Each structure stands twice: as structure tokens, then as C-alpha cells.
Amino acid sequence: MVRPYAVTGGRTRPRYDLAIEAMVTAAPHPPRDVSSLTPEYRAIMDICRTARSVAEVSALLRLPLGVARVLVADMALEGLLRLHQSRPAGAQPDIRLLERVLSGLRKL
């Protein structure tokens, strides 16, 4: 088992503001051979063949949300993933979305 800070190189924040509800898809033609990627990168590429939110990536891979945000942002910068953010970076989150998430969590 690898500690989360080792996976992200000790970073706790992504290189740019990445919303947890941002949708992510694998790039159809990655700029490099996928077999040379880390196991975490390969797992993210696999589950992002269909659109997933950053929060879903975190939950499906059982990674802390902060780690998933760092990895997804890094992969997007490398051209491995495509981001589809619903709001501009730095903007306040949609209160209705947060209420729906809270309602869903309470149902669990």
C-alpha cells in the first residue's frame, strides 16, 4: 500500500482549481503509451472511458478526494484526460448542487 502523499509527490493541492463536480473523460488519443503509466493513472484512464466526476473517480478508486484532484489535474495537463468544468475556476459552487449532494449523502 502506498501513502497518498507518495502518489502525489507530496502535493496536497492540484496545480489549478479543479471542481469536484468537474466531469472527466479519457483522451481518445493519449500523447504517450498508456502501459508506461503508474497504476493510479491507468486506473483513472480505465474508469474515465465514460464521463465521470472527480468525486466519482475518488470514490470508485477509494482515493482521498485531494489525491484524486491532484492526479486528475496532472493527467489533464499531460493530455491524458479531458476536463469539462461546469463553472469557471474560482467561482462559488452551485448551492443547489451542494444540497443535492448532501441529500444523497444523508440517504446513504
PDB file of N, CA and C in Angstrom:
ATOM      1  N   MET A   1       0.843  -1.185   0.000  1.00  0.00           N
ATOM      2  CA  MET A   1       0.000   0.000   0.000  1.00  0.00           C
ATOM      3  C   MET A   1       0.882   1.241   0.000  1.00  0.00           C
ATOM      4  N   VAL A   2       0.538   2.200  -0.835  1.00  0.00           N
ATOM      5  CA  VAL A   2       1.318   3.422  -0.967  1.00  0.00           C
ATOM      6  C   VAL A   2       0.576   4.563  -0.275  1.00  0.00           C
ATOM      7  N   ARG A   3       1.290   5.345   0.492  1.00  0.00           N
ATOM      8  CA  ARG A   3       0.680   6.500   1.167  1.00  0.00           C
ATOM      9  C   ARG A   3       0.231   7.535   0.134  1.00  0.00           C
ATOM     10  N   PRO A   4      -0.902   8.195   0.390  1.00  0.00           N
ATOM     11  CA  PRO A   4      -1.415   9.167  -0.593  1.00  0.00           C
ATOM     12  C   PRO A   4      -0.407  10.256  -0.961  1.00  0.00           C
ATOM     13  N   TYR A   5       0.350  10.763  -0.011  1.00  0.00           N
ATOM     14  CA  TYR A   5       1.300  11.830  -0.337  1.00  0.00           C
ATOM     15  C   TYR A   5       2.411  11.335  -1.254  1.00  0.00           C
ATOM     16  N   ALA A   6       2.683  10.049  -1.236  1.00  0.00           N
ATOM     17  CA  ALA A   6       3.696   9.500  -2.140  1.00  0.00           C
ATOM     18  C   ALA A   6       3.166   9.455  -3.575  1.00  0.00           C
ATOM     19  N   VAL A   7       1.890   9.196  -3.713  1.00  0.00           N
ATOM     20  CA  VAL A   7       1.268   9.123  -5.037  1.00  0.00           C
ATOM     21  C   VAL A   7       1.276  10.496  -5.715  1.00  0.00           C
ATOM     22  N   THR A   8       1.116  11.546  -4.918  1.00  0.00           N
ATOM     23  CA  THR A   8       1.036  12.908  -5.475  1.00  0.00           C
ATOM     24  C   THR A   8       2.361  13.653  -5.403  1.00  0.00           C
ATOM     25  N   GLY A   9       3.404  12.985  -4.988  1.00  0.00           N
ATOM     26  CA  GLY A   9       4.697  13.661  -4.862  1.00  0.00           C
ATOM     27  C   GLY A   9       4.714  14.667  -3.719  1.00  0.00           C
ATOM     28  N   GLY A  10       3.888  14.462  -2.721  1.00  0.00           N
ATOM     29  CA  GLY A  10       3.841  15.338  -1.561  1.00  0.00           C
ATOM     30  C   GLY A  10       2.914  16.528  -1.721  1.00  0.00           C
ATOM     31  N   ARG A  11       2.324  16.684  -2.889  1.00  0.00           N
ATOM     32  CA  ARG A  11       1.426  17.830  -3.105  1.00  0.00           C
ATOM     33  C   ARG A  11       0.041  17.534  -2.540  1.00  0.00           C
ATOM     34  N   THR A  12      -0.578  18.560  -1.978  1.00  0.00           N
ATOM     35  CA  THR A  12      -1.916  18.400  -1.425  1.00  0.00           C
ATOM     36  C   THR A  12      -2.958  19.170  -2.222  1.00  0.00           C
ATOM     37  N   ARG A  13      -2.513  20.004  -3.140  1.00  0.00           N
ATOM     38  CA  ARG A  13      -3.435  20.788  -3.971  1.00  0.00           C
ATOM     39  C   ARG A  13      -3.091  20.591  -5.441  1.00  0.00           C
ATOM     40  N   PRO A  14      -4.133  20.568  -6.291  1.00  0.00           N
ATOM     41  CA  PRO A  14      -3.861  20.459  -7.731  1.00  0.00           C
ATOM     42  C   PRO A  14      -3.188  21.724  -8.250  1.00  0.00           C
ATOM     43  N   ARG A  15      -2.574  21.623  -9.397  1.00  0.00           N
ATOM     44  CA  ARG A  15      -1.860  22.760  -9.985  1.00  0.00           C
ATOM     45  C   ARG A  15      -2.794  23.908 -10.369  1.00  0.00           C
ATOM     46  N   TYR A  16      -4.063  23.628 -10.501  1.00  0.00           N
ATOM     47  CA  TYR A  16      -5.059  24.676 -10.733  1.00  0.00           C
ATOM     48  C   TYR A  16      -6.357  24.245 -10.074  1.00  0.00           C
ATOM     49  N   ASP A  17      -7.264  25.206  -9.890  1.00  0.00           N
ATOM     50  CA  ASP A  17      -8.524  24.938  -9.206  1.00  0.00           C
ATOM     51  C   ASP A  17      -9.350  23.950 -10.010  1.00  0.00           C
ATOM     52  N   LEU A  18      -9.652  22.826  -9.405  1.00  0.00           N
ATOM     53  CA  LEU A  18     -10.404  21.769 -10.072  1.00  0.00           C
ATOM     54  C   LEU A  18     -11.623  21.443  -9.222  1.00  0.00           C
ATOM     55  N   ALA A  19     -12.790  21.714  -9.746  1.00  0.00           N
ATOM     56  CA  ALA A  19     -14.034  21.455  -9.023  1.00  0.00           C
ATOM     57  C   ALA A  19     -14.258  19.957  -8.874  1.00  0.00           C
ATOM     58  N   ILE A  20     -14.794  19.548  -7.738  1.00  0.00           N
ATOM     59  CA  ILE A  20     -15.027  18.114  -7.520  1.00  0.00           C
ATOM     60  C   ILE A  20     -16.135  17.582  -8.424  1.00  0.00           C
ATOM     61  N   GLU A  21     -16.992  18.476  -8.920  1.00  0.00           N
ATOM     62  CA  GLU A  21     -18.057  18.031  -9.810  1.00  0.00           C
ATOM     63  C   GLU A  21     -17.655  18.089 -11.283  1.00  0.00           C
ATOM     64  N   ALA A  22     -16.429  18.524 -11.557  1.00  0.00           N
ATOM     65  CA  ALA A  22     -15.951  18.595 -12.941  1.00  0.00           C
ATOM     66  C   ALA A  22     -15.974  17.202 -13.567  1.00  0.00           C
ATOM     67  N   MET A  23     -16.478  17.125 -14.773  1.00  0.00           N
ATOM     68  CA  MET A  23     -16.546  15.851 -15.478  1.00  0.00           C
ATOM     69  C   MET A  23     -15.215  15.593 -16.190  1.00  0.00           C
ATOM     70  N   VAL A  24     -14.814  14.341 -16.194  1.00  0.00           N
ATOM     71  CA  VAL A  24     -13.523  13.941 -16.742  1.00  0.00           C
ATOM     72  C   VAL A  24     -13.731  12.790 -17.712  1.00  0.00           C
ATOM     73  N   THR A  25     -13.061  12.858 -18.857  1.00  0.00           N
ATOM     74  CA  THR A  25     -13.065  11.738 -19.796  1.00  0.00           C
ATOM     75  C   THR A  25     -11.627  11.466 -20.239  1.00  0.00           C
ATOM     76  N   ALA A  26     -11.362  10.220 -20.548  1.00  0.00           N
ATOM     77  CA  ALA A  26     -10.037   9.855 -21.047  1.00  0.00           C
ATOM     78  C   ALA A  26      -9.849  10.446 -22.442  1.00  0.00           C
ATOM     79  N   ALA A  27      -8.662  10.916 -22.721  1.00  0.00           N
ATOM     80  CA  ALA A  27      -8.362  11.453 -24.053  1.00  0.00           C
ATOM     81  C   ALA A  27      -8.442  10.302 -25.052  1.00  0.00           C
ATOM     82  N   PRO A  28      -9.106  10.517 -26.192  1.00  0.00           N
ATOM     83  CA  PRO A  28      -9.243   9.430 -27.165  1.00  0.00           C
ATOM     84  C   PRO A  28      -7.899   8.976 -27.740  1.00  0.00           C
ATOM     85  N   HIS A  29      -6.944   9.888 -27.836  1.00  0.00           N
ATOM     86  CA  HIS A  29      -5.620   9.561 -28.356  1.00  0.00           C
ATOM     87  C   HIS A  29      -4.572  10.123 -27.404  1.00  0.00           C
ATOM     88  N   PRO A  30      -4.243   9.360 -26.335  1.00  0.00           N
ATOM     89  CA  PRO A  30      -3.272   9.867 -25.363  1.00  0.00           C
ATOM     90  C   PRO A  30      -1.937  10.172 -26.032  1.00  0.00           C
ATOM     91  N   PRO A  31      -1.223  11.183 -25.518  1.00  0.00           N
ATOM     92  CA  PRO A  31       0.040  11.581 -26.128  1.00  0.00           C
ATOM     93  C   PRO A  31       1.192  10.602 -25.879  1.00  0.00           C
ATOM     94  N   ARG A  32       0.971   9.621 -25.016  1.00  0.00           N
ATOM     95  CA  ARG A  32       2.023   8.628 -24.766  1.00  0.00           C
ATOM     96  C   ARG A  32       1.405   7.267 -24.488  1.00  0.00           C
ATOM     97  N   ASP A  33       2.255   6.255 -24.474  1.00  0.00           N
ATOM     98  CA  ASP A  33       1.818   4.882 -24.278  1.00  0.00           C
ATOM     99  C   ASP A  33       1.230   4.709 -22.876  1.00  0.00           C
ATOM    100  N   VAL A  34       0.000   4.253 -22.811  1.00  0.00           N
ATOM    101  CA  VAL A  34      -0.703   4.102 -21.545  1.00  0.00           C
ATOM    102  C   VAL A  34      -0.064   3.016 -20.673  1.00  0.00           C
ATOM    103  N   SER A  35       0.580   2.029 -21.286  1.00  0.00           N
ATOM    104  CA  SER A  35       1.182   0.943 -20.496  1.00  0.00           C
ATOM    105  C   SER A  35       2.354   1.415 -19.643  1.00  0.00           C
ATOM    106  N   SER A  36       2.895   2.592 -19.946  1.00  0.00           N
ATOM    107  CA  SER A  36       4.017   3.111 -19.153  1.00  0.00           C
ATOM    108  C   SER A  36       3.555   3.982 -17.988  1.00  0.00           C
ATOM    109  N   LEU A  37       2.241   4.135 -17.814  1.00  0.00           N
ATOM    110  CA  LEU A  37       1.702   4.971 -16.744  1.00  0.00           C
ATOM    111  C   LEU A  37       1.729   4.244 -15.404  1.00  0.00           C
ATOM    112  N   THR A  38       1.634   5.022 -14.331  1.00  0.00           N
ATOM    113  CA  THR A  38       1.562   4.428 -12.988  1.00  0.00           C
ATOM    114  C   THR A  38       0.240   3.675 -12.852  1.00  0.00           C
ATOM    115  N   PRO A  39       0.149   2.772 -11.896  1.00  0.00           N
ATOM    116  CA  PRO A  39      -1.114   2.041 -11.704  1.00  0.00           C
ATOM    117  C   PRO A  39      -2.296   2.977 -11.431  1.00  0.00           C
ATOM    118  N   GLU A  40      -2.058   4.055 -10.696  1.00  0.00           N
ATOM    119  CA  GLU A  40      -3.132   5.010 -10.408  1.00  0.00           C
ATOM    120  C   GLU A  40      -3.609   5.700 -11.682  1.00  0.00           C
ATOM    121  N   TYR A  41      -2.670   6.124 -12.512  1.00  0.00           N
ATOM    122  CA  TYR A  41      -3.027   6.762 -13.782  1.00  0.00           C
ATOM    123  C   TYR A  41      -3.806   5.804 -14.673  1.00  0.00           C
ATOM    124  N   ARG A  42      -3.348   4.554 -14.757  1.00  0.00           N
ATOM    125  CA  ARG A  42      -4.037   3.571 -15.596  1.00  0.00           C
ATOM    126  C   ARG A  42      -5.456   3.329 -15.088  1.00  0.00           C
ATOM    127  N   ALA A  43      -5.620   3.250 -13.772  1.00  0.00           N
ATOM    128  CA  ALA A  43      -6.950   3.028 -13.202  1.00  0.00           C
ATOM    129  C   ALA A  43      -7.870   4.202 -13.518  1.00  0.00           C
ATOM    130  N   ILE A  44      -7.349   5.415 -13.424  1.00  0.00           N
ATOM    131  CA  ILE A  44      -8.154   6.594 -13.747  1.00  0.00           C
ATOM    132  C   ILE A  44      -8.522   6.589 -15.223  1.00  0.00           C
ATOM    133  N   MET A  45      -7.567   6.258 -16.084  1.00  0.00           N
ATOM    134  CA  MET A  45      -7.861   6.187 -17.527  1.00  0.00           C
ATOM    135  C   MET A  45      -8.961   5.163 -17.799  1.00  0.00           C
ATOM    136  N   ASP A  46      -8.901   4.017 -17.132  1.00  0.00           N
ATOM    137  CA  ASP A  46      -9.892   2.965 -17.354  1.00  0.00           C
ATOM    138  C   ASP A  46     -11.295   3.406 -16.970  1.00  0.00           C
ATOM    139  N   ILE A  47     -11.442   3.996 -15.788  1.00  0.00           N
ATOM    140  CA  ILE A  47     -12.791   4.361 -15.360  1.00  0.00           C
ATOM    141  C   ILE A  47     -13.309   5.611 -16.064  1.00  0.00           C
ATOM    142  N   CYS A  48     -12.410   6.388 -16.657  1.00  0.00           N
ATOM    143  CA  CYS A  48     -12.836   7.611 -17.350  1.00  0.00           C
ATOM    144  C   CYS A  48     -13.088   7.388 -18.838  1.00  0.00           C
ATOM    145  N   ARG A  49     -13.233   6.145 -19.245  1.00  0.00           N
ATOM    146  CA  ARG A  49     -13.624   5.881 -20.634  1.00  0.00           C
ATOM    147  C   ARG A  49     -15.036   6.413 -20.861  1.00  0.00           C
ATOM    148  N   THR A  50     -15.825   6.430 -19.788  1.00  0.00           N
ATOM    149  CA  THR A  50     -17.099   7.142 -19.786  1.00  0.00           C
ATOM    150  C   THR A  50     -16.939   8.326 -18.842  1.00  0.00           C
ATOM    151  N   ALA A  51     -17.692   9.364 -19.058  1.00  0.00           N
ATOM    152  CA  ALA A  51     -17.552  10.584 -18.259  1.00  0.00           C
ATOM    153  C   ALA A  51     -17.819  10.308 -16.782  1.00  0.00           C
ATOM    154  N   ARG A  52     -16.919  10.796 -15.959  1.00  0.00           N
ATOM    155  CA  ARG A  52     -17.017  10.661 -14.501  1.00  0.00           C
ATOM    156  C   ARG A  52     -16.681  11.999 -13.874  1.00  0.00           C
ATOM    157  N   SER A  53     -17.248  12.262 -12.711  1.00  0.00           N
ATOM    158  CA  SER A  53     -16.849  13.462 -11.978  1.00  0.00           C
ATOM    159  C   SER A  53     -15.582  13.146 -11.194  1.00  0.00           C
ATOM    160  N   VAL A  54     -14.892  14.177 -10.790  1.00  0.00           N
ATOM    161  CA  VAL A  54     -13.684  13.991  -9.974  1.00  0.00           C
ATOM    162  C   VAL A  54     -14.064  13.270  -8.681  1.00  0.00           C
ATOM    163  N   ALA A  55     -15.212  13.611  -8.113  1.00  0.00           N
ATOM    164  CA  ALA A  55     -15.671  12.939  -6.893  1.00  0.00           C
ATOM    165  C   ALA A  55     -15.903  11.446  -7.135  1.00  0.00           C
ATOM    166  N   GLU A  56     -16.451  11.091  -8.291  1.00  0.00           N
ATOM    167  CA  GLU A  56     -16.658   9.679  -8.624  1.00  0.00           C
ATOM    168  C   GLU A  56     -15.329   8.949  -8.764  1.00  0.00           C
ATOM    169  N   VAL A  57     -14.360   9.581  -9.409  1.00  0.00           N
ATOM    170  CA  VAL A  57     -13.028   8.983  -9.540  1.00  0.00           C
ATOM    171  C   VAL A  57     -12.485   8.665  -8.158  1.00  0.00           C
ATOM    172  N   SER A  58     -12.606   9.625  -7.259  1.00  0.00           N
ATOM    173  CA  SER A  58     -12.140   9.437  -5.889  1.00  0.00           C
ATOM    174  C   SER A  58     -12.836   8.258  -5.224  1.00  0.00           C
ATOM    175  N   ALA A  59     -14.157   8.217  -5.324  1.00  0.00           N
ATOM    176  CA  ALA A  59     -14.924   7.161  -4.664  1.00  0.00           C
ATOM    177  C   ALA A  59     -14.677   5.790  -5.279  1.00  0.00           C
ATOM    178  N   LEU A  60     -14.680   5.711  -6.603  1.00  0.00           N
ATOM    179  CA  LEU A  60     -14.506   4.413  -7.268  1.00  0.00           C
ATOM    180  C   LEU A  60     -13.129   3.810  -7.034  1.00  0.00           C
ATOM    181  N   LEU A  61     -12.120   4.670  -6.932  1.00  0.00           N
ATOM    182  CA  LEU A  61     -10.761   4.169  -6.718  1.00  0.00           C
ATOM    183  C   LEU A  61     -10.359   4.147  -5.247  1.00  0.00           C
ATOM    184  N   ARG A  62     -11.292   4.588  -4.395  1.00  0.00           N
ATOM    185  CA  ARG A  62     -11.036   4.647  -2.948  1.00  0.00           C
ATOM    186  C   ARG A  62      -9.785   5.465  -2.637  1.00  0.00           C
ATOM    187  N   LEU A  63      -9.693   6.596  -3.316  1.00  0.00           N
ATOM    188  CA  LEU A  63      -8.608   7.545  -3.084  1.00  0.00           C
ATOM    189  C   LEU A  63      -9.170   8.744  -2.340  1.00  0.00           C
ATOM    190  N   PRO A  64      -8.390   9.353  -1.446  1.00  0.00           N
ATOM    191  CA  PRO A  64      -8.855  10.601  -0.843  1.00  0.00           C
ATOM    192  C   PRO A  64      -9.140  11.622  -1.949  1.00  0.00           C
ATOM    193  N   LEU A  65     -10.138  12.448  -1.738  1.00  0.00           N
ATOM    194  CA  LEU A  65     -10.547  13.418  -2.749  1.00  0.00           C
ATOM    195  C   LEU A  65      -9.395  14.329  -3.162  1.00  0.00           C
ATOM    196  N   GLY A  66      -8.596  14.766  -2.210  1.00  0.00           N
ATOM    197  CA  GLY A  66      -7.459  15.629  -2.526  1.00  0.00           C
ATOM    198  C   GLY A  66      -6.465  14.950  -3.454  1.00  0.00           C
ATOM    199  N   VAL A  67      -6.218  13.680  -3.232  1.00  0.00           N
ATOM    200  CA  VAL A  67      -5.299  12.921  -4.083  1.00  0.00           C
ATOM    201  C   VAL A  67      -5.884  12.792  -5.487  1.00  0.00           C
ATOM    202  N   ALA A  68      -7.159  12.472  -5.570  1.00  0.00           N
ATOM    203  CA  ALA A  68      -7.804  12.349  -6.887  1.00  0.00           C
ATOM    204  C   ALA A  68      -7.744  13.672  -7.638  1.00  0.00           C
ATOM    205  N   ARG A  69      -7.976  14.778  -6.958  1.00  0.00           N
ATOM    206  CA  ARG A  69      -7.931  16.089  -7.615  1.00  0.00           C
ATOM    207  C   ARG A  69      -6.534  16.369  -8.166  1.00  0.00           C
ATOM    208  N   VAL A  70      -5.505  16.066  -7.392  1.00  0.00           N
ATOM    209  CA  VAL A  70      -4.133  16.295  -7.847  1.00  0.00           C
ATOM    210  C   VAL A  70      -3.823  15.424  -9.056  1.00  0.00           C
ATOM    211  N   LEU A  71      -4.165  14.135  -8.988  1.00  0.00           N
ATOM    212  CA  LEU A  71      -3.863  13.224 -10.092  1.00  0.00           C
ATOM    213  C   LEU A  71      -4.628  13.596 -11.357  1.00  0.00           C
ATOM    214  N   VAL A  72      -5.904  13.908 -11.216  1.00  0.00           N
ATOM    215  CA  VAL A  72      -6.716  14.273 -12.386  1.00  0.00           C
ATOM    216  C   VAL A  72      -6.175  15.550 -13.026  1.00  0.00           C
ATOM    217  N   ALA A  73      -5.851  16.543 -12.216  1.00  0.00           N
ATOM    218  CA  ALA A  73      -5.301  17.796 -12.767  1.00  0.00           C
ATOM    219  C   ALA A  73      -3.982  17.535 -13.485  1.00  0.00           C
ATOM    220  N   ASP A  74      -3.109  16.726 -12.888  1.00  0.00           N
ATOM    221  CA  ASP A  74      -1.835  16.396 -13.534  1.00  0.00           C
ATOM    222  C   ASP A  74      -2.059  15.689 -14.863  1.00  0.00           C
ATOM    223  N   MET A  75      -2.983  14.740 -14.866  1.00  0.00           N
ATOM    224  CA  MET A  75      -3.248  13.986 -16.083  1.00  0.00           C
ATOM    225  C   MET A  75      -3.840  14.873 -17.171  1.00  0.00           C
ATOM    226  N   ALA A  76      -4.677  15.826 -16.767  1.00  0.00           N
ATOM    227  CA  ALA A  76      -5.247  16.762 -17.747  1.00  0.00           C
ATOM    228  C   ALA A  76      -4.141  17.623 -18.354  1.00  0.00           C
ATOM    229  N   LEU A  77      -3.203  18.074 -17.529  1.00  0.00           N
ATOM    230  CA  LEU A  77      -2.093  18.876 -18.038  1.00  0.00           C
ATOM    231  C   LEU A  77      -1.205  18.080 -18.990  1.00  0.00           C
ATOM    232  N   GLU A  78      -1.116  16.773 -18.770  1.00  0.00           N
ATOM    233  CA  GLU A  78      -0.314  15.910 -19.639  1.00  0.00           C
ATOM    234  C   GLU A  78      -1.073  15.486 -20.896  1.00  0.00           C
ATOM    235  N   GLY A  79      -2.338  15.854 -21.000  1.00  0.00           N
ATOM    236  CA  GLY A  79      -3.130  15.499 -22.173  1.00  0.00           C
ATOM    237  C   GLY A  79      -3.736  14.109 -22.120  1.00  0.00           C
ATOM    238  N   LEU A  80      -3.718  13.476 -20.949  1.00  0.00           N
ATOM    239  CA  LEU A  80      -4.270  12.134 -20.807  1.00  0.00           C
ATOM    240  C   LEU A  80      -5.770  12.156 -20.554  1.00  0.00           C
ATOM    241  N   LEU A  81      -6.256  13.240 -19.959  1.00  0.00           N
ATOM    242  CA  LEU A  81      -7.667  13.391 -19.650  1.00  0.00           C
ATOM    243  C   LEU A  81      -8.187  14.702 -20.217  1.00  0.00           C
ATOM    244  N   ARG A  82      -9.484  14.737 -20.439  1.00  0.00           N
ATOM    245  CA  ARG A  82     -10.149  15.978 -20.840  1.00  0.00           C
ATOM    246  C   ARG A  82     -11.094  16.380 -19.725  1.00  0.00           C
ATOM    247  N   LEU A  83     -11.039  17.640 -19.353  1.00  0.00           N
ATOM    248  CA  LEU A  83     -11.892  18.171 -18.287  1.00  0.00           C
ATOM    249  C   LEU A  83     -13.056  18.943 -18.889  1.00  0.00           C
ATOM    250  N   HIS A  84     -14.182  18.808 -18.232  1.00  0.00           N
ATOM    251  CA  HIS A  84     -15.381  19.523 -18.647  1.00  0.00           C
ATOM    252  C   HIS A  84     -15.951  20.175 -17.391  1.00  0.00           C
ATOM    253  N   GLN A  85     -15.409  21.336 -17.025  1.00  0.00           N
ATOM    254  CA  GLN A  85     -15.844  22.002 -15.806  1.00  0.00           C
ATOM    255  C   GLN A  85     -17.121  22.785 -16.060  1.00  0.00           C
ATOM    256  N   SER A  86     -18.018  22.717 -15.099  1.00  0.00           N
ATOM    257  CA  SER A  86     -19.307  23.384 -15.243  1.00  0.00           C
ATOM    258  C   SER A  86     -19.276  24.833 -14.774  1.00  0.00           C
ATOM    259  N   ARG A  87     -18.229  25.224 -14.073  1.00  0.00           N
ATOM    260  CA  ARG A  87     -18.132  26.600 -13.594  1.00  0.00           C
ATOM    261  C   ARG A  87     -16.704  27.080 -13.748  1.00  0.00           C
ATOM    262  N   PRO A  88     -16.516  28.375 -13.895  1.00  0.00           N
ATOM    263  CA  PRO A  88     -15.157  28.895 -14.017  1.00  0.00           C
ATOM    264  C   PRO A  88     -14.364  28.667 -12.734  1.00  0.00           C
ATOM    265  N   ALA A  89     -13.070  28.487 -12.875  1.00  0.00           N
ATOM    266  CA  ALA A  89     -12.205  28.297 -11.713  1.00  0.00           C
ATOM    267  C   ALA A  89     -12.338  29.491 -10.777  1.00  0.00           C
ATOM    268  N   GLY A  90     -12.439  29.226  -9.491  1.00  0.00           N
ATOM    269  CA  GLY A  90     -12.529  30.284  -8.505  1.00  0.00           C
ATOM    270  C   GLY A  90     -13.942  30.749  -8.223  1.00  0.00           C
ATOM    271  N   ALA A  91     -14.916  30.325  -9.031  1.00  0.00           N
ATOM    272  CA  ALA A  91     -16.310  30.735  -8.819  1.00  0.00           C
ATOM    273  C   ALA A  91     -16.902  29.967  -7.642  1.00  0.00           C
ATOM    274  N   GLN A  92     -17.898  30.542  -7.024  1.00  0.00           N
ATOM    275  CA  GLN A  92     -18.570  29.889  -5.904  1.00  0.00           C
ATOM    276  C   GLN A  92     -19.339  28.666  -6.409  1.00  0.00           C
ATOM    277  N   PRO A  93     -19.371  27.585  -5.616  1.00  0.00           N
ATOM    278  CA  PRO A  93     -20.105  26.390  -6.043  1.00  0.00           C
ATOM    279  C   PRO A  93     -21.613  26.645  -6.087  1.00  0.00           C
ATOM    280  N   ASP A  94     -22.297  25.880  -6.898  1.00  0.00           N
ATOM    281  CA  ASP A  94     -23.746  25.967  -7.039  1.00  0.00           C
ATOM    282  C   ASP A  94     -24.394  25.394  -5.776  1.00  0.00           C
ATOM    283  N   ILE A  95     -25.137  26.211  -5.074  1.00  0.00           N
ATOM    284  CA  ILE A  95     -25.771  25.793  -3.822  1.00  0.00           C
ATOM    285  C   ILE A  95     -26.731  24.628  -4.057  1.00  0.00           C
ATOM    286  N   ARG A  96     -27.469  24.647  -5.170  1.00  0.00           N
ATOM    287  CA  ARG A  96     -28.405  23.544  -5.458  1.00  0.00           C
ATOM    288  C   ARG A  96     -27.653  22.225  -5.607  1.00  0.00           C
ATOM    289  N   LEU A  97     -26.494  22.269  -6.259  1.00  0.00           N
ATOM    290  CA  LEU A  97     -25.698  21.056  -6.411  1.00  0.00           C
ATOM    291  C   LEU A  97     -25.243  20.553  -5.047  1.00  0.00           C
ATOM    292  N   LEU A  98     -24.767  21.447  -4.210  1.00  0.00           N
ATOM    293  CA  LEU A  98     -24.313  21.043  -2.880  1.00  0.00           C
ATOM    294  C   LEU A  98     -25.456  20.460  -2.054  1.00  0.00           C
ATOM    295  N   GLU A  99     -26.653  21.025  -2.185  1.00  0.00           N
ATOM    296  CA  GLU A  99     -27.808  20.489  -1.460  1.00  0.00           C
ATOM    297  C   GLU A  99     -28.174  19.092  -1.956  1.00  0.00           C
ATOM    298  N   ARG A 100     -28.072  18.855  -3.276  1.00  0.00           N
ATOM    299  CA  ARG A 100     -28.351  17.521  -3.819  1.00  0.00           C
ATOM    300  C   ARG A 100     -27.315  16.509  -3.325  1.00  0.00           C
ATOM    301  N   VAL A 101     -26.064  16.914  -3.284  1.00  0.00           N
ATOM    302  CA  VAL A 101     -25.006  16.017  -2.785  1.00  0.00           C
ATOM    303  C   VAL A 101     -25.245  15.689  -1.320  1.00  0.00           C
ATOM    304  N   LEU A 102     -25.560  16.705  -0.517  1.00  0.00           N
ATOM    305  CA  LEU A 102     -25.827  16.493   0.899  1.00  0.00           C
ATOM    306  C   LEU A 102     -27.027  15.569   1.086  1.00  0.00           C
ATOM    307  N   SER A 103     -28.072  15.761   0.301  1.00  0.00           N
ATOM    308  CA  SER A 103     -29.247  14.904   0.388  1.00  0.00           C
ATOM    309  C   SER A 103     -28.876  13.449   0.053  1.00  0.00           C
ATOM    310  N   GLY A 104     -28.078  13.265  -0.985  1.00  0.00           N
ATOM    311  CA  GLY A 104     -27.638  11.920  -1.362  1.00  0.00           C
ATOM    312  C   GLY A 104     -26.798  11.267  -0.284  1.00  0.00           C
ATOM    313  N   LEU A 105     -25.927  12.043   0.341  1.00  0.00           N
ATOM    314  CA  LEU A 105     -25.098  11.502   1.419  1.00  0.00           C
ATOM    315  C   LEU A 105     -25.942  11.092   2.614  1.00  0.00           C
ATOM    316  N   ARG A 106     -26.952  11.869   2.912  1.00  0.00           N
ATOM    317  CA  ARG A 106     -27.829  11.531   4.050  1.00  0.00           C
ATOM    318  C   ARG A 106     -28.588  10.241   3.788  1.00  0.00           C
ATOM    319  N   LYS A 107     -28.910   9.960   2.525  1.00  0.00           N
ATOM    320  CA  LYS A 107     -29.633   8.743   2.174  1.00  0.00           C
ATOM    321  C   LYS A 107     -28.759   7.503   2.330  1.00  0.00           C
ATOM    322  N   LEU A 108     -27.444   7.689   2.286  1.00  0.00           N
ATOM    323  CA  LEU A 108     -26.553   6.548   2.437  1.00  0.00           C
ATOM    324  C   LEU A 108     -26.616   6.068   3.856  1.00  0.00           C
TER     325      LEU A 108
END
